Amino acid sequence: RVKLLSDSVMADLGKEAEKTVEEFMKSAGRNFDLNAAGQAKDKPAFDPNSKPATAAEAKERGNFFYKDAQYTKALDLYSQAISMCAPDDEDNLKIYHSNRSAALFGLKRFEESRGDAVKCTEIDSVWAKGWYRKGLAEEGLERYKEAEQSFRRGVDCAPTDQNLARALQEVKMMI
């Protein structure tokens, strides 16, 4: 969100003014092709109407749409990457499942997000990102004890990961 006015000015103007500013920014975003931060959207380096040729290309396209919060398009492309990937290519499969988990999380489809995160942990039980994704999905499902266990497993795998440590501390406060 672009900050047009200081917090104190917005507080003085009240909720109605904040709502008006929000509506203006949404309109400007549509009219001027801006992202949520009010910056010009990146143009894809690919033809959005063509099919990706490889799993890696599908993933990169998915990343493009994910960064622009177009989670449905990202989800479709990550699913394509999974279906195009060789079943024994576990290094890439865990990444594609992790990415799809993130897209599903963005769509608030927490149970499905958790399913992909579980797949990540089955493929590689010491990959911290899989445990992080699983914990986030469980937190979205309000399964805080399970989320705590998942974040703890992630911290065990990557003790210096600040995101995991922060997530673990935050979920502990919800229990």
Protein backbone atom coordinates (compact mmCIF):
# COMPACT_ATOMS: atom_id res chain seq x y z
CA ARG A 1 0.00 0.00 0.00
CA VAL A 2 1.33 3.41 -0.89
CA LYS A 3 1.46 5.79 2.02
CA LEU A 4 0.02 9.06 0.73
CA LEU A 5 -0.54 10.70 4.11
CA SER A 6 1.09 10.31 7.51
CA ASP A 7 -0.57 8.10 10.10
CA SER A 8 -1.42 11.12 12.26
CA VAL A 9 -3.12 12.91 9.34
CA MET A 10 -5.05 9.74 8.45
CA ALA A 11 -6.11 9.39 12.11
CA ASP A 12 -7.36 12.98 12.10
CA LEU A 13 -9.28 12.44 8.88
CA GLY A 14 -10.92 9.28 10.16
CA LYS A 15 -12.00 5.94 8.72
CA GLU A 16 -14.07 7.42 5.91
CA ALA A 17 -11.05 9.25 4.51
CA GLU A 18 -8.93 6.11 4.78
CA LYS A 19 -11.60 4.20 2.87
CA THR A 20 -11.61 6.90 0.16
CA VAL A 21 -7.82 6.74 -0.15
CA GLU A 22 -7.98 2.93 -0.42
CA GLU A 23 -10.63 3.13 -3.15
CA PHE A 24 -8.56 5.70 -5.02
CA MET A 25 -5.46 3.49 -4.88
CA LYS A 26 -7.39 0.48 -6.18
CA SER A 27 -8.77 2.55 -9.02
CA ALA A 28 -5.35 3.99 -9.83
CA GLY A 29 -3.91 0.49 -9.81
CA ARG A 30 -6.45 -0.67 -12.38
CA ASN A 31 -6.16 2.44 -14.52
CA PHE A 32 -2.38 2.72 -14.51
CA ASP A 33 -1.45 -0.97 -14.19
CA LEU A 34 0.08 -0.60 -10.72
CA ASN A 35 0.80 -3.31 -8.17
CA ALA A 36 -0.34 -3.20 -4.53
CA ALA A 37 2.65 -1.00 -3.60
CA GLY A 38 1.66 1.59 -6.22
CA GLN A 39 4.56 0.74 -8.52
CA ALA A 40 4.32 -0.09 -12.20
CA LYS A 41 3.80 -3.81 -12.66
CA ASP A 42 6.59 -5.76 -14.28
CA LYS A 43 5.72 -7.04 -17.72
CA PRO A 44 6.22 -10.76 -18.24
CA ALA A 45 9.21 -11.86 -20.29
CA PHE A 46 6.98 -14.56 -21.80
CA ASP A 47 3.81 -14.80 -23.82
CA PRO A 48 1.10 -15.27 -21.17
CA ASN A 49 -1.05 -17.12 -23.72
CA SER A 50 1.54 -19.80 -24.49
CA LYS A 51 2.05 -23.01 -22.53
CA PRO A 52 5.33 -23.45 -20.64
CA ALA A 53 7.66 -25.96 -22.30
CA THR A 54 9.31 -27.27 -19.12
CA ALA A 55 8.58 -27.64 -15.43
CA ALA A 56 11.22 -25.02 -14.66
CA GLU A 57 9.57 -22.57 -17.05
CA ALA A 58 6.16 -23.21 -15.47
CA LYS A 59 7.69 -22.51 -12.05
CA GLU A 60 9.28 -19.25 -13.21
CA ARG A 61 5.99 -18.11 -14.71
CA GLY A 62 4.24 -19.07 -11.49
CA ASN A 63 6.77 -17.00 -9.55
CA PHE A 64 6.01 -14.00 -11.77
CA PHE A 65 2.29 -14.19 -10.99
CA TYR A 66 2.86 -15.04 -7.31
CA LYS A 67 4.93 -11.88 -6.82
CA ASP A 68 2.01 -9.91 -8.26
CA ALA A 69 -0.43 -11.63 -5.84
CA GLN A 70 -2.16 -13.39 -8.76
CA TYR A 71 -2.35 -16.60 -6.76
CA THR A 72 -4.83 -18.44 -8.98
CA LYS A 73 -2.56 -18.09 -12.03
CA ALA A 74 0.46 -18.99 -9.94
CA LEU A 75 -1.36 -22.05 -8.58
CA ASP A 76 -2.14 -23.29 -12.08
CA LEU A 77 1.46 -22.88 -13.19
CA TYR A 78 2.92 -24.56 -10.10
CA SER A 79 0.50 -27.46 -10.68
CA GLN A 80 1.77 -27.69 -14.25
CA ALA A 81 5.36 -27.72 -12.97
CA ILE A 82 4.52 -30.62 -10.64
CA SER A 83 2.85 -32.62 -13.42
CA MET A 84 5.73 -31.94 -15.84
CA CYS A 85 8.46 -32.82 -13.34
CA ALA A 86 10.08 -36.25 -13.35
CA PRO A 87 8.87 -38.22 -10.31
CA ASP A 88 12.45 -38.90 -9.21
CA ASP A 89 13.48 -35.21 -9.37
CA GLU A 90 12.88 -34.69 -5.67
CA ASP A 91 14.95 -31.51 -5.41
CA ASN A 92 12.61 -29.71 -7.78
CA LEU A 93 9.41 -31.48 -6.71
CA LYS A 94 9.75 -30.23 -3.14
CA ILE A 95 10.19 -26.66 -4.45
CA TYR A 96 7.18 -26.91 -6.77
CA HIS A 97 5.02 -28.29 -3.94
CA SER A 98 6.31 -25.56 -1.62
CA ASN A 99 5.45 -22.89 -4.17
CA ARG A 100 2.00 -24.34 -4.74
CA SER A 101 1.52 -24.46 -0.97
CA ALA A 102 2.33 -20.74 -0.83
CA ALA A 103 -0.13 -19.94 -3.64
CA LEU A 104 -2.86 -21.96 -1.93
CA PHE A 105 -2.09 -20.16 1.32
CA GLY A 106 -2.48 -16.84 -0.50
CA LEU A 107 -5.92 -18.03 -1.62
CA LYS A 108 -6.73 -18.98 2.00
CA ARG A 109 -7.10 -22.62 1.00
CA PHE A 110 -5.24 -23.71 4.11
CA GLU A 111 -6.06 -27.44 4.09
CA GLU A 112 -4.76 -27.83 0.53
CA SER A 113 -1.77 -25.64 1.37
CA ARG A 114 -1.01 -27.96 4.27
CA GLY A 115 -1.28 -30.99 1.97
CA ASP A 116 1.42 -29.64 -0.33
CA ALA A 117 3.57 -28.69 2.66
CA VAL A 118 3.24 -32.24 4.02
CA LYS A 119 4.37 -33.51 0.61
CA CYS A 120 7.47 -31.28 0.93
CA THR A 121 8.31 -32.79 4.32
CA GLU A 122 7.77 -36.31 2.99
CA ILE A 123 10.16 -35.65 0.11
CA ASP A 124 12.79 -34.02 2.34
CA SER A 125 12.27 -34.21 6.09
CA VAL A 126 15.20 -31.87 6.83
CA TRP A 127 14.18 -29.06 4.46
CA ALA A 128 13.18 -26.24 6.79
CA LYS A 129 11.01 -24.47 4.22
CA GLY A 130 8.64 -27.43 4.04
CA TRP A 131 8.11 -27.28 7.80
CA TYR A 132 7.65 -23.51 7.61
CA ARG A 133 4.94 -23.88 4.94
CA LYS A 134 3.24 -26.62 6.98
CA GLY A 135 3.28 -24.45 10.10
CA LEU A 136 1.81 -21.47 8.26
CA ALA A 137 -1.02 -23.59 6.86
CA GLU A 138 -1.74 -25.07 10.28
CA GLU A 139 -1.78 -21.58 11.76
CA GLY A 140 -4.29 -20.59 9.06
CA LEU A 141 -6.39 -23.56 10.13
CA GLU A 142 -6.08 -22.39 13.75
CA ARG A 143 -4.30 -25.62 14.68
CA TYR A 144 -1.78 -23.80 16.80
CA LYS A 145 -0.28 -26.81 18.61
CA GLU A 146 0.40 -28.52 15.27
CA ALA A 147 1.82 -25.28 13.89
CA GLU A 148 4.13 -25.01 16.88
CA GLN A 149 5.41 -28.55 16.26
CA SER A 150 5.98 -27.83 12.57
CA PHE A 151 7.80 -24.56 13.22
CA ARG A 152 9.90 -26.32 15.90
CA ARG A 153 10.88 -29.02 13.38
CA GLY A 154 11.84 -26.26 10.95
CA VAL A 155 13.97 -24.52 13.57
CA ASP A 156 15.66 -27.85 14.31
CA CYS A 157 16.55 -28.09 10.60
CA ALA A 158 17.66 -24.45 10.28
CA PRO A 159 18.52 -22.99 13.70
CA THR A 160 19.57 -19.61 12.27
CA ASP A 161 16.41 -19.03 10.19
CA GLN A 162 14.88 -15.87 11.68
CA ASN A 163 11.51 -16.32 9.94
CA LEU A 164 11.05 -19.74 11.51
CA ALA A 165 12.18 -18.55 14.93
CA ARG A 166 9.77 -15.60 14.76
CA ALA A 167 6.90 -17.82 13.56
CA LEU A 168 7.55 -20.26 16.41
CA GLN A 169 7.51 -17.46 19.01
CA GLU A 170 4.34 -15.95 17.56
CA VAL A 171 2.42 -19.22 17.46
CA LYS A 172 3.44 -19.98 21.05
CA MET A 173 1.59 -16.82 22.07
CA MET A 174 -1.60 -18.14 20.44
CA ILE A 175 -1.64 -21.35 22.44
